[in-house]
Amino acid sequence: MSRPAESRPKRKRAIDLPEIVTRIAWFITPWRPHPKEKHNYEFFPRHVLACIKVNRLWRDTFTPVLWTVFNEEAMALRNIPDAIIRAHSCHIRFLEVTKDRATNPFQTTQLRRLTMKGWNHYSVCTDLVVNNPGLTELEWMLPQDNKIERLTHVRMQLALESLRQLTALFLGDWRFYTNQLIRILRTKPVLEKLSLFGIEGIAQLQEGTTVESLTHLFINSDWKPNPGLAELFQYFPNLDRLVFQPDDDCPITEISSHLRKTCKKVTAIQAVDAYMFSYGSISEKDQVDLIVSTPNCVELDFAIPALSANVARALLSPQLKNLRNLHLNVSGNTKVNLGYANRILASVNHNLTHFILINVASNWSSKKCMALFERPWASPTLEYFKLGGIGSPGSDAFTGILGHGLYGGYGGPAFGGAGHGQNDADNPPQAFNPDPFVSESSADKLLAKNGWKLLTPAYYSTSVLDSRYSSILLKRLLKQVFILPRMRSVTFENHEYAKIGTQ
């Protein structure tokens, strides 16, 4: 006998099953990519709020989703009262605080990532750190020129020492006492990334401990007020990636020595001047020492005054057989830099797959850049090449050049100037025979004929290509890369070209 309909158990709808609703919550977020700022996000909770209104189950499931990430700066326009923040802060796992708060409305104890910037009430933010022993990532940026009492500093140090699950630590504008940083690091058994920004007070180290887990080190601090900073390298035997900003006081010799003796596993180095134009920080000898001190290096990003013969020779040495990605930011004479770059590209004694050559001052003469083709390229493994820094309209290197462009340029006939080459003392290389102007249509034909295409959007500026000699340079560059067996993409200024079927 069948049971009466009213006594049968009610079948639940799929949207009322907790496991289904929880799974849906994985795919709905209150954050979306920022429409105007690349690599940034904006708070956009519309869809999450709609889910919260479905029923009680959905409300209980999606409320934590709404509060999981709390970025104070991004949510400033919402004017959320502290009482509301305090009531829901138990759901916060990723917190970024940018206001100087006298009280702490964040009562969470389960943070995974914490970012604090410019928080002057040190006791309050120290308590927040202590209350979240499970933190895996911490960014603690103090106000510049801060004057912290030693007792407060010690309490902050003890708070950092209590975090044994940290994998990433960023400290900004800290003033350390003797061995304070070492004592913090030795309590971090799983620390992988360490960033030191604007720090002071790292004196000659009296004690130390090996941090086996650390693989990434970022240093953006003056070296003079930190005479013991280079000694840190000896405690990181498994260092894989190093980023630092050299200045006139940077002990490159000591750093190279530690890299050679202790940090033998380094595969990536980025040594770029923080000010980009204050060259001369690394001498030629130091450049060579740093290059050859890392035989396992795969990626090298350098800011140097010029690409010299010794540096080019070091880059082609058998010791750097693992080097794949080379990025050079240089200044100085166009012909010299491009000439030695040609020696690298014309050699088969390297395994480079990516080569980027940039003049950060953007004052290279397009005529002199023809030195890049003195010898035919023979790079068997090269897949990507980028050339940037050709003079832009109004620069010294381009005065008189744009007169042969599509619209006439500064110093050209259209403005009563003398025309092309009036500021170029060097004789044009033979490659600059009076060839016809390389128009956009002829470049398209050249690309199509060889199975390549332009990836740059049509609305992008083409002012550099308006120069006759820049266009000839581009044509010569394209013809050169077409014959390299593995070449897939090339960038000339901001114009990217790719082999069809590879992008």
Protein backbone atom coordinates (compact mmCIF):
# COMPACT_ATOMS: atom_id res chain seq x y z
CA MET A 1 0.00 0.00 0.00
CA SER A 2 1.50 3.35 -1.07
CA ARG A 3 2.08 6.06 1.46
CA PRO A 4 -0.12 9.17 1.33
CA ALA A 5 1.42 11.97 -0.70
CA GLU A 6 1.48 14.27 2.29
CA SER A 7 3.60 11.78 4.31
CA ARG A 8 6.28 11.25 1.67
CA PRO A 9 9.67 12.91 2.38
CA LYS A 10 10.04 16.12 0.43
CA ARG A 11 12.76 15.90 -2.23
CA LYS A 12 15.25 18.75 -1.93
CA ARG A 13 15.96 20.95 -4.92
CA ALA A 14 19.53 21.05 -6.14
CA ILE A 15 19.88 24.67 -5.08
CA ASP A 16 18.99 23.66 -1.51
CA LEU A 17 21.80 21.10 -1.19
CA PRO A 18 24.67 22.54 0.87
CA GLU A 19 27.35 20.70 -1.14
CA ILE A 20 25.96 22.11 -4.42
CA VAL A 21 25.70 25.67 -3.08
CA THR A 22 29.21 25.48 -1.66
CA ARG A 23 30.50 24.38 -5.04
CA ILE A 24 28.71 27.28 -6.75
CA ALA A 25 30.36 29.68 -4.31
CA TRP A 26 33.76 28.64 -5.67
CA PHE A 27 32.96 30.30 -8.98
CA ILE A 28 31.41 33.59 -7.82
CA THR A 29 33.63 36.38 -6.48
CA PRO A 30 32.99 39.99 -5.40
CA TRP A 31 36.13 41.09 -7.26
CA ARG A 32 36.67 41.65 -10.97
CA PRO A 33 39.57 42.89 -13.13
CA HIS A 34 39.84 46.68 -12.99
CA PRO A 35 38.62 48.21 -16.26
CA LYS A 36 41.34 50.91 -16.26
CA GLU A 37 44.24 49.53 -14.20
CA LYS A 38 46.04 46.50 -15.57
CA HIS A 39 46.92 43.78 -13.03
CA ASN A 40 44.50 45.31 -10.52
CA TYR A 41 41.02 44.45 -9.28
CA GLU A 42 37.98 46.38 -8.12
CA PHE A 43 35.31 45.49 -5.60
CA PHE A 44 32.14 44.50 -7.47
CA PRO A 45 29.84 42.55 -5.09
CA ARG A 46 26.63 42.66 -7.16
CA HIS A 47 26.50 38.95 -7.96
CA VAL A 48 27.47 37.81 -4.46
CA LEU A 49 24.84 40.08 -2.88
CA ALA A 50 22.22 38.63 -5.22
CA CYS A 51 23.17 35.13 -4.08
CA ILE A 52 22.93 36.13 -0.42
CA LYS A 53 19.29 37.12 -0.98
CA VAL A 54 18.17 33.70 -2.33
CA ASN A 55 17.49 32.02 1.01
CA ARG A 56 19.06 31.30 4.38
CA LEU A 57 21.37 28.55 3.10
CA TRP A 58 22.71 30.77 0.35
CA ARG A 59 23.11 33.67 2.78
CA ASP A 60 25.15 31.54 5.19
CA THR A 61 27.28 30.21 2.32
CA PHE A 62 27.95 33.45 0.45
CA THR A 63 28.44 35.85 3.36
CA PRO A 64 31.97 34.50 4.01
CA VAL A 65 32.67 34.83 0.27
CA LEU A 66 31.79 38.53 0.47
CA TRP A 67 34.27 39.08 3.30
CA THR A 68 37.10 36.66 2.47
CA VAL A 69 39.19 39.44 0.87
CA PHE A 70 39.13 42.88 2.50
CA ASN A 71 41.15 45.60 0.77
CA GLU A 72 40.67 48.83 2.69
CA GLU A 73 41.77 51.12 -0.12
CA ALA A 74 39.61 49.44 -2.77
CA MET A 75 36.57 49.50 -0.47
CA ALA A 76 37.07 53.03 0.89
CA LEU A 77 34.12 54.46 -1.06
CA ARG A 78 31.75 51.97 0.59
CA ASN A 79 32.14 53.72 3.99
CA ILE A 80 31.61 50.47 5.90
CA PRO A 81 31.17 51.19 9.63
CA ASP A 82 33.72 49.62 11.98
CA ALA A 83 30.91 47.82 13.81
CA ILE A 84 29.95 45.98 10.61
CA ILE A 85 33.61 45.15 9.89
CA ARG A 86 34.03 43.83 13.44
CA ALA A 87 30.92 41.65 13.14
CA HIS A 88 32.08 39.98 9.91
CA SER A 89 35.86 40.08 10.32
CA CYS A 90 35.88 36.42 11.37
CA HIS A 91 35.42 35.58 7.67
CA ILE A 92 38.43 37.64 6.47
CA ARG A 93 41.40 35.61 5.24
CA PHE A 94 43.20 38.20 3.07
CA LEU A 95 43.48 41.67 4.62
CA GLU A 96 45.09 44.87 3.37
CA VAL A 97 45.06 47.86 5.75
CA THR A 98 46.10 51.29 4.50
CA LYS A 99 44.54 53.58 7.13
CA ASP A 100 46.27 54.66 10.33
CA ARG A 101 43.84 53.18 12.84
CA ALA A 102 43.94 53.88 16.58
CA THR A 103 41.73 50.83 17.19
CA ASN A 104 41.54 47.50 15.47
CA PRO A 105 38.12 46.47 14.10
CA PHE A 106 39.58 43.30 12.55
CA GLN A 107 38.94 40.59 15.12
CA THR A 108 39.98 37.78 12.81
CA THR A 109 42.35 35.08 14.01
CA GLN A 110 42.60 33.05 10.78
CA LEU A 111 44.33 35.41 8.35
CA ARG A 112 46.45 33.83 5.64
CA ARG A 113 47.77 37.06 4.10
CA LEU A 114 48.16 40.43 5.82
CA THR A 115 49.32 43.73 4.31
CA MET A 116 49.84 46.80 6.51
CA LYS A 117 51.00 50.13 5.08
CA GLY A 118 51.59 53.34 7.01
CA TRP A 119 50.02 52.16 10.26
CA ASN A 120 51.49 54.40 12.99
CA HIS A 121 49.80 52.73 15.97
CA TYR A 122 52.39 49.98 16.28
CA SER A 123 50.90 48.28 19.33
CA VAL A 124 47.58 47.83 17.53
CA CYS A 125 49.07 46.32 14.38
CA THR A 126 51.46 44.20 16.45
CA ASP A 127 48.46 42.70 18.25
CA LEU A 128 46.89 41.89 14.87
CA VAL A 129 50.02 39.97 13.88
CA VAL A 130 50.18 38.08 17.18
CA ASN A 131 46.49 37.12 16.94
CA ASN A 132 47.06 35.43 13.57
CA PRO A 133 49.79 32.82 14.08
CA GLY A 134 48.69 30.98 10.91
CA LEU A 135 49.79 33.77 8.57
CA THR A 136 51.63 32.53 5.48
CA GLU A 137 52.26 35.93 3.83
CA LEU A 138 53.01 39.23 5.58
CA GLU A 139 53.77 42.67 4.13
CA TRP A 140 54.57 45.20 6.85
CA MET A 141 55.41 48.65 5.51
CA LEU A 142 56.24 51.20 8.21
CA PRO A 143 55.87 54.97 7.70
CA GLN A 144 59.00 56.61 6.33
CA ASP A 145 61.28 58.32 8.87
CA ASN A 146 59.53 56.45 11.66
CA LYS A 147 60.90 56.90 15.16
CA ILE A 148 60.06 53.77 17.10
CA GLU A 149 61.19 53.21 20.68
CA ARG A 150 63.48 50.25 21.13
CA LEU A 151 61.03 48.45 23.44
CA THR A 152 58.27 48.75 20.82
CA HIS A 153 60.68 47.52 18.16
CA VAL A 154 61.54 44.48 20.25
CA ARG A 155 57.83 43.70 20.68
CA MET A 156 57.37 43.92 16.90
CA GLN A 157 60.33 41.59 16.46
CA LEU A 158 58.82 39.06 18.87
CA ALA A 159 55.55 39.24 16.95
CA LEU A 160 57.38 38.36 13.74
CA GLU A 161 59.26 35.54 15.46
CA SER A 162 55.94 33.96 16.46
CA LEU A 163 54.94 33.43 12.81
CA ARG A 164 56.42 30.02 12.02
CA GLN A 165 54.23 29.30 8.97
CA LEU A 166 55.34 32.31 6.91
CA THR A 167 56.32 31.54 3.32
CA ALA A 168 56.62 35.19 2.18
CA LEU A 169 57.81 38.20 4.21
CA PHE A 170 58.02 41.82 3.01
CA LEU A 171 59.47 44.43 5.38
CA GLY A 172 59.53 48.09 4.35
CA ASP A 173 61.29 51.04 6.03
CA TRP A 174 62.34 49.03 9.07
CA ARG A 175 65.28 50.17 11.24
CA PHE A 176 66.94 47.08 12.65
CA TYR A 177 69.12 46.63 15.69
CA THR A 178 72.07 44.23 15.86
CA ASN A 179 71.20 40.78 14.49
CA GLN A 180 67.48 41.53 14.80
CA LEU A 181 66.75 40.39 11.25
CA ILE A 182 68.74 37.17 11.68
CA ARG A 183 66.77 36.31 14.81
CA ILE A 184 63.55 36.78 12.88
CA LEU A 185 64.69 34.63 9.97
CA ARG A 186 65.86 31.69 12.05
CA THR A 187 62.27 31.15 13.29
CA LYS A 188 60.98 30.72 9.71
CA PRO A 189 61.44 27.06 8.72
CA VAL A 190 59.30 27.35 5.56
CA LEU A 191 60.11 30.92 4.43
CA GLU A 192 60.54 31.01 0.64
CA LYS A 193 60.43 34.73 -0.27
CA LEU A 194 62.08 37.65 1.53
CA SER A 195 61.74 41.29 0.41
CA LEU A 196 63.61 44.15 2.10
CA PHE A 197 62.59 47.65 1.02
CA GLY A 198 64.20 50.83 2.35
CA ILE A 199 65.64 49.13 5.43
CA GLU A 200 68.52 50.35 7.59
CA GLY A 201 70.68 49.06 10.41
CA ILE A 202 71.92 45.71 9.04
CA ALA A 203 75.40 45.89 10.58
CA GLN A 204 78.18 43.30 10.42
CA LEU A 205 76.47 40.09 11.48
CA GLN A 206 77.71 38.51 14.69
CA GLU A 207 75.62 35.37 14.44
CA GLY A 208 73.58 33.68 11.77
CA THR A 209 71.60 30.66 10.78
CA THR A 210 71.05 28.90 7.48
CA VAL A 211 67.60 29.39 5.98
CA GLU A 212 67.33 26.30 3.80
CA SER A 213 63.84 27.06 2.50
CA LEU A 214 64.50 30.57 1.12
CA THR A 215 64.58 30.70 -2.69
CA HIS A 216 63.61 34.30 -3.58
CA LEU A 217 65.40 37.42 -2.29
CA PHE A 218 64.43 41.00 -3.22
CA ILE A 219 66.54 43.92 -1.96
CA ASN A 220 65.63 47.54 -2.69
CA SER A 221 67.60 49.38 -0.02
CA ASP A 222 70.63 51.64 0.18
CA TRP A 223 73.76 49.63 0.86
CA LYS A 224 75.72 52.26 2.82
CA PRO A 225 73.49 52.21 5.96
CA ASN A 226 73.49 48.39 5.77
CA PRO A 227 77.17 47.28 5.84
CA GLY A 228 76.18 43.70 6.72
CA LEU A 229 73.45 43.28 4.12
CA ALA A 230 75.64 41.37 1.66
CA GLU A 231 76.52 38.88 4.41
CA LEU A 232 72.94 37.62 4.36
CA PHE A 233 73.64 35.77 1.11
CA GLN A 234 75.81 33.21 2.89
CA TYR A 235 72.77 31.99 4.84
CA PHE A 236 70.66 31.18 1.76
CA PRO A 237 72.24 28.09 0.14
CA ASN A 238 69.12 27.29 -1.90
CA LEU A 239 68.60 30.79 -3.29
CA ASP A 240 67.07 30.57 -6.76
CA ARG A 241 66.06 34.14 -7.71
CA LEU A 242 67.83 37.37 -6.74
CA VAL A 243 66.58 40.91 -7.40
CA PHE A 244 68.59 43.87 -6.12
CA GLN A 245 69.18 47.54 -6.92
CA PRO A 246 72.90 48.31 -7.05
CA ASP A 247 74.18 51.76 -6.15
CA ASP A 248 77.66 53.25 -5.80
CA ASP A 249 78.10 51.58 -2.39
CA CYS A 250 76.88 48.13 -3.44
CA PRO A 251 79.56 45.49 -2.59
CA ILE A 252 79.30 43.59 -5.88
CA THR A 253 82.59 41.76 -5.25
CA GLU A 254 81.31 40.39 -1.93
CA ILE A 255 77.93 39.47 -3.42
CA SER A 256 79.60 37.67 -6.34
CA SER A 257 81.80 35.77 -3.89
CA HIS A 258 78.79 34.55 -1.87
CA LEU A 259 76.96 33.58 -5.06
CA ARG A 260 79.98 31.58 -6.21
CA LYS A 261 80.63 29.84 -2.88
CA THR A 262 77.21 29.47 -1.25
CA CYS A 263 74.33 30.35 -3.57
CA LYS A 264 75.24 27.90 -6.31
CA LYS A 265 71.63 27.24 -7.31
CA VAL A 266 70.76 30.76 -8.47
CA THR A 267 68.97 30.64 -11.83
CA ALA A 268 67.69 34.23 -12.13
CA ILE A 269 69.32 37.60 -11.39
CA GLN A 270 67.83 41.05 -11.85
CA ALA A 271 70.30 43.86 -11.14
CA VAL A 272 68.53 47.04 -12.19
CA ASP A 273 69.32 50.53 -10.93
CA ALA A 274 66.38 51.82 -8.89
CA TYR A 275 66.66 55.18 -10.65
CA MET A 276 67.28 53.67 -14.10
CA PHE A 277 69.25 56.67 -15.34
CA SER A 278 71.96 56.86 -12.67
CA TYR A 279 74.35 54.56 -14.48
CA GLY A 280 77.89 53.78 -13.46
CA SER A 281 76.89 51.95 -10.28
CA ILE A 282 78.42 48.67 -11.47
CA SER A 283 81.90 48.79 -12.96
CA GLU A 284 82.74 46.66 -15.98
CA LYS A 285 84.85 44.32 -13.85
CA ASP A 286 82.02 43.88 -11.36
CA GLN A 287 79.58 43.23 -14.19
CA VAL A 288 81.75 40.40 -15.48
CA ASP A 289 82.31 38.99 -11.96
CA LEU A 290 78.59 38.91 -11.27
CA ILE A 291 77.82 37.24 -14.60
CA VAL A 292 80.36 34.44 -14.27
CA SER A 293 79.58 33.84 -10.57
CA THR A 294 76.28 32.15 -11.45
CA PRO A 295 76.95 29.26 -13.86
CA ASN A 296 73.39 27.93 -13.46
CA CYS A 297 71.79 31.26 -14.36
CA VAL A 298 68.85 30.94 -16.77
CA GLU A 299 67.52 34.53 -16.61
CA LEU A 300 69.66 37.67 -16.46
CA ASP A 301 68.26 41.22 -16.32
CA PHE A 302 70.97 43.91 -16.19
CA ALA A 303 71.08 47.71 -16.22
CA ILE A 304 74.57 48.71 -17.33
CA PRO A 305 76.20 51.83 -18.84
CA ALA A 306 77.18 49.97 -22.00
CA LEU A 307 77.49 46.53 -23.51
CA SER A 308 81.27 46.19 -23.66
CA ALA A 309 83.54 43.61 -25.27
CA ASN A 310 84.31 41.96 -21.91
CA VAL A 311 80.64 41.75 -20.93
CA ALA A 312 79.72 40.28 -24.32
CA ARG A 313 82.56 37.77 -23.98
CA ALA A 314 81.36 36.78 -20.49
CA LEU A 315 77.80 36.26 -21.75
CA LEU A 316 79.15 33.89 -24.42
CA SER A 317 81.45 31.97 -22.07
CA PRO A 318 80.89 28.21 -21.65
CA GLN A 319 80.11 28.84 -17.98
CA LEU A 320 76.77 30.37 -18.99
CA LYS A 321 75.59 27.49 -21.13
CA ASN A 322 72.26 27.49 -19.22
CA LEU A 323 71.43 31.14 -19.94
CA ARG A 324 68.12 31.37 -21.82
CA ASN A 325 66.64 34.83 -21.16
CA LEU A 326 68.82 37.94 -21.46
CA HIS A 327 67.45 41.45 -20.81
CA LEU A 328 69.89 44.36 -21.07
CA ASN A 329 69.02 47.99 -20.24
CA VAL A 330 71.86 50.11 -21.58
CA SER A 331 72.70 53.68 -22.53
CA GLY A 332 75.58 55.32 -24.31
CA ASN A 333 76.85 55.04 -27.86
CA THR A 334 74.42 53.35 -30.21
CA LYS A 335 76.99 51.81 -32.54
CA VAL A 336 79.09 50.29 -29.72
CA ASN A 337 76.14 48.72 -27.90
CA LEU A 338 74.51 47.34 -31.02
CA GLY A 339 77.85 46.15 -32.37
CA TYR A 340 78.51 43.95 -29.36
CA ALA A 341 74.89 42.81 -29.36
CA ASN A 342 75.55 41.67 -32.93
CA ARG A 343 78.50 39.59 -31.73
CA ILE A 344 76.15 37.72 -29.38
CA LEU A 345 73.47 37.21 -32.03
CA ALA A 346 76.04 36.15 -34.64
CA SER A 347 77.48 33.51 -32.33
CA VAL A 348 76.40 29.89 -32.05
CA ASN A 349 78.05 29.63 -28.62
CA HIS A 350 74.91 30.36 -26.63
CA ASN A 351 71.50 28.87 -25.92
CA LEU A 352 69.48 32.09 -25.68
CA THR A 353 65.77 31.83 -26.39
CA HIS A 354 64.83 35.42 -25.43
CA PHE A 355 66.99 38.52 -25.97
CA ILE A 356 65.72 42.00 -25.01
CA LEU A 357 67.88 45.08 -25.69
CA ILE A 358 66.52 48.40 -24.43
CA ASN A 359 67.93 51.92 -24.30
CA VAL A 360 66.00 53.42 -21.39
CA ALA A 361 66.83 56.99 -22.46
CA SER A 362 65.19 56.35 -25.86
CA ASN A 363 67.89 58.27 -27.73
CA TRP A 364 69.40 55.68 -30.05
CA SER A 365 69.82 56.75 -33.65
CA SER A 366 68.03 54.47 -36.09
CA LYS A 367 70.93 54.85 -38.53
CA LYS A 368 73.51 53.64 -36.04
CA CYS A 369 71.31 50.72 -35.05
CA MET A 370 72.33 49.09 -38.32
CA ALA A 371 75.42 47.93 -36.40
CA LEU A 372 73.10 45.20 -35.15
CA PHE A 373 73.49 43.52 -38.56
CA GLU A 374 77.26 43.79 -39.13
CA ARG A 375 77.42 40.00 -39.18
CA PRO A 376 74.59 37.59 -40.06
CA TRP A 377 72.73 36.26 -37.03
CA ALA A 378 73.39 32.61 -36.27
CA SER A 379 71.45 32.16 -33.04
CA PRO A 380 70.09 28.62 -33.38
CA THR A 381 67.84 28.67 -30.32
CA LEU A 382 66.49 32.25 -30.37
CA GLU A 383 62.68 32.46 -30.21
CA TYR A 384 62.06 36.10 -29.25
CA PHE A 385 63.96 39.36 -29.80
CA LYS A 386 63.05 42.89 -28.70
CA LEU A 387 64.73 46.18 -29.63
CA GLY A 388 63.62 49.35 -27.88
CA GLY A 389 64.90 52.86 -27.29
CA ILE A 390 64.94 54.33 -30.79
CA GLY A 391 64.74 58.12 -30.55
CA SER A 392 61.22 59.53 -30.29
CA PRO A 393 59.93 62.78 -31.84
CA GLY A 394 61.64 65.78 -30.28
CA SER A 395 64.64 63.88 -28.91
CA ASP A 396 68.16 64.87 -29.93
CA ALA A 397 68.69 61.65 -31.81
CA PHE A 398 65.55 62.20 -33.84
CA THR A 399 65.91 65.89 -34.60
CA GLY A 400 65.95 66.14 -38.37
CA ILE A 401 65.03 62.49 -38.84
CA LEU A 402 61.28 62.78 -38.81
CA GLY A 403 61.45 65.23 -41.68
CA HIS A 404 61.38 62.17 -43.92
CA GLY A 405 58.36 60.72 -42.14
CA LEU A 406 54.81 60.58 -43.34
CA TYR A 407 53.92 63.99 -41.94
CA GLY A 408 57.23 65.81 -41.77
CA GLY A 409 58.86 66.15 -38.36
CA TYR A 410 60.75 68.46 -36.06
CA GLY A 411 63.76 69.82 -37.90
CA GLY A 412 62.55 68.43 -41.22
CA PRO A 413 61.56 70.33 -44.35
CA ALA A 414 58.00 70.76 -43.13
CA PHE A 415 59.33 72.90 -40.26
CA GLY A 416 62.08 74.67 -42.15
CA GLY A 417 64.81 72.36 -40.89
CA ALA A 418 67.77 70.96 -42.73
CA GLY A 419 66.26 67.51 -43.14
CA HIS A 420 67.62 64.09 -42.26
CA GLY A 421 70.94 63.46 -40.59
CA GLN A 422 71.90 66.98 -39.54
CA ASN A 423 72.86 65.81 -36.03
CA ASP A 424 74.49 62.52 -37.00
CA ALA A 425 78.26 62.83 -37.15
CA ASP A 426 78.87 59.24 -38.22
CA ASN A 427 78.83 58.26 -41.86
CA PRO A 428 75.82 56.11 -42.69
CA PRO A 429 76.67 52.41 -43.00
CA GLN A 430 76.50 50.84 -46.42
CA ALA A 431 73.19 49.23 -45.50
CA PHE A 432 71.61 52.66 -45.78
CA ASN A 433 71.52 52.95 -49.51
CA PRO A 434 68.78 55.19 -50.87
CA ASP A 435 66.14 52.46 -50.72
CA PRO A 436 62.51 53.44 -51.21
CA PHE A 437 60.54 54.30 -48.10
CA VAL A 438 59.19 51.16 -46.45
CA SER A 439 55.50 51.90 -46.35
CA GLU A 440 52.99 50.14 -44.14
CA SER A 441 51.61 48.24 -47.12
CA SER A 442 55.06 46.96 -48.18
CA ALA A 443 55.73 45.83 -44.60
CA ASP A 444 52.42 43.95 -44.63
CA LYS A 445 53.42 42.24 -47.86
CA LEU A 446 56.80 41.30 -46.42
CA LEU A 447 55.13 39.83 -43.33
CA ALA A 448 52.47 37.94 -45.28
CA LYS A 449 55.05 36.52 -47.67
CA ASN A 450 56.98 34.97 -44.79
CA GLY A 451 53.98 33.81 -42.72
CA TRP A 452 54.12 36.56 -40.09
CA LYS A 453 51.67 39.22 -38.94
CA LEU A 454 51.51 42.42 -36.87
CA LEU A 455 49.94 41.95 -33.43
CA THR A 456 49.99 45.62 -32.36
CA PRO A 457 46.50 47.18 -32.41
CA ALA A 458 45.96 49.58 -35.31
CA TYR A 459 45.31 52.51 -32.97
CA TYR A 460 48.78 52.26 -31.37
CA SER A 461 51.23 55.08 -32.03
CA THR A 462 53.39 54.59 -35.12
CA SER A 463 55.48 57.76 -34.77
CA VAL A 464 58.78 55.86 -34.62
CA LEU A 465 57.97 53.96 -37.80
CA ASP A 466 57.22 57.26 -39.54
CA SER A 467 60.98 57.78 -39.84
CA ARG A 468 62.38 56.53 -43.12
CA TYR A 469 65.50 55.04 -41.55
CA SER A 470 63.52 53.43 -38.73
CA SER A 471 61.36 51.77 -41.33
CA ILE A 472 64.42 50.51 -43.20
CA LEU A 473 65.81 49.26 -39.89
CA LEU A 474 62.55 47.41 -39.25
CA LYS A 475 62.66 45.81 -42.70
CA ARG A 476 66.23 44.65 -42.13
CA LEU A 477 65.30 43.29 -38.70
CA LEU A 478 62.34 41.34 -40.06
CA LYS A 479 64.38 39.83 -42.89
CA GLN A 480 66.95 38.71 -40.34
CA VAL A 481 64.51 37.03 -37.95
CA PHE A 482 62.63 35.29 -40.76
CA ILE A 483 65.60 32.99 -41.42
CA LEU A 484 66.16 31.93 -37.79
CA PRO A 485 64.71 28.41 -37.36
CA ARG A 486 63.04 28.85 -33.94
CA MET A 487 62.11 32.52 -34.07
CA ARG A 488 58.47 33.04 -33.11
CA SER A 489 58.11 36.70 -32.21
CA VAL A 490 59.93 40.03 -32.48
CA THR A 491 59.18 43.44 -30.96
CA PHE A 492 60.44 46.68 -32.49
CA GLU A 493 59.68 49.47 -30.04
CA ASN A 494 56.05 48.73 -29.12
CA HIS A 495 55.21 46.94 -32.35
CA GLU A 496 55.06 43.18 -31.94
CA TYR A 497 55.25 40.78 -34.87
CA ALA A 498 54.60 37.06 -34.60
CA LYS A 499 54.86 34.00 -36.77
CA ILE A 500 51.37 32.90 -37.76
CA GLY A 501 50.22 29.89 -35.77
CA THR A 502 52.60 30.36 -32.82
CA GLN A 503 50.99 33.09 -30.70
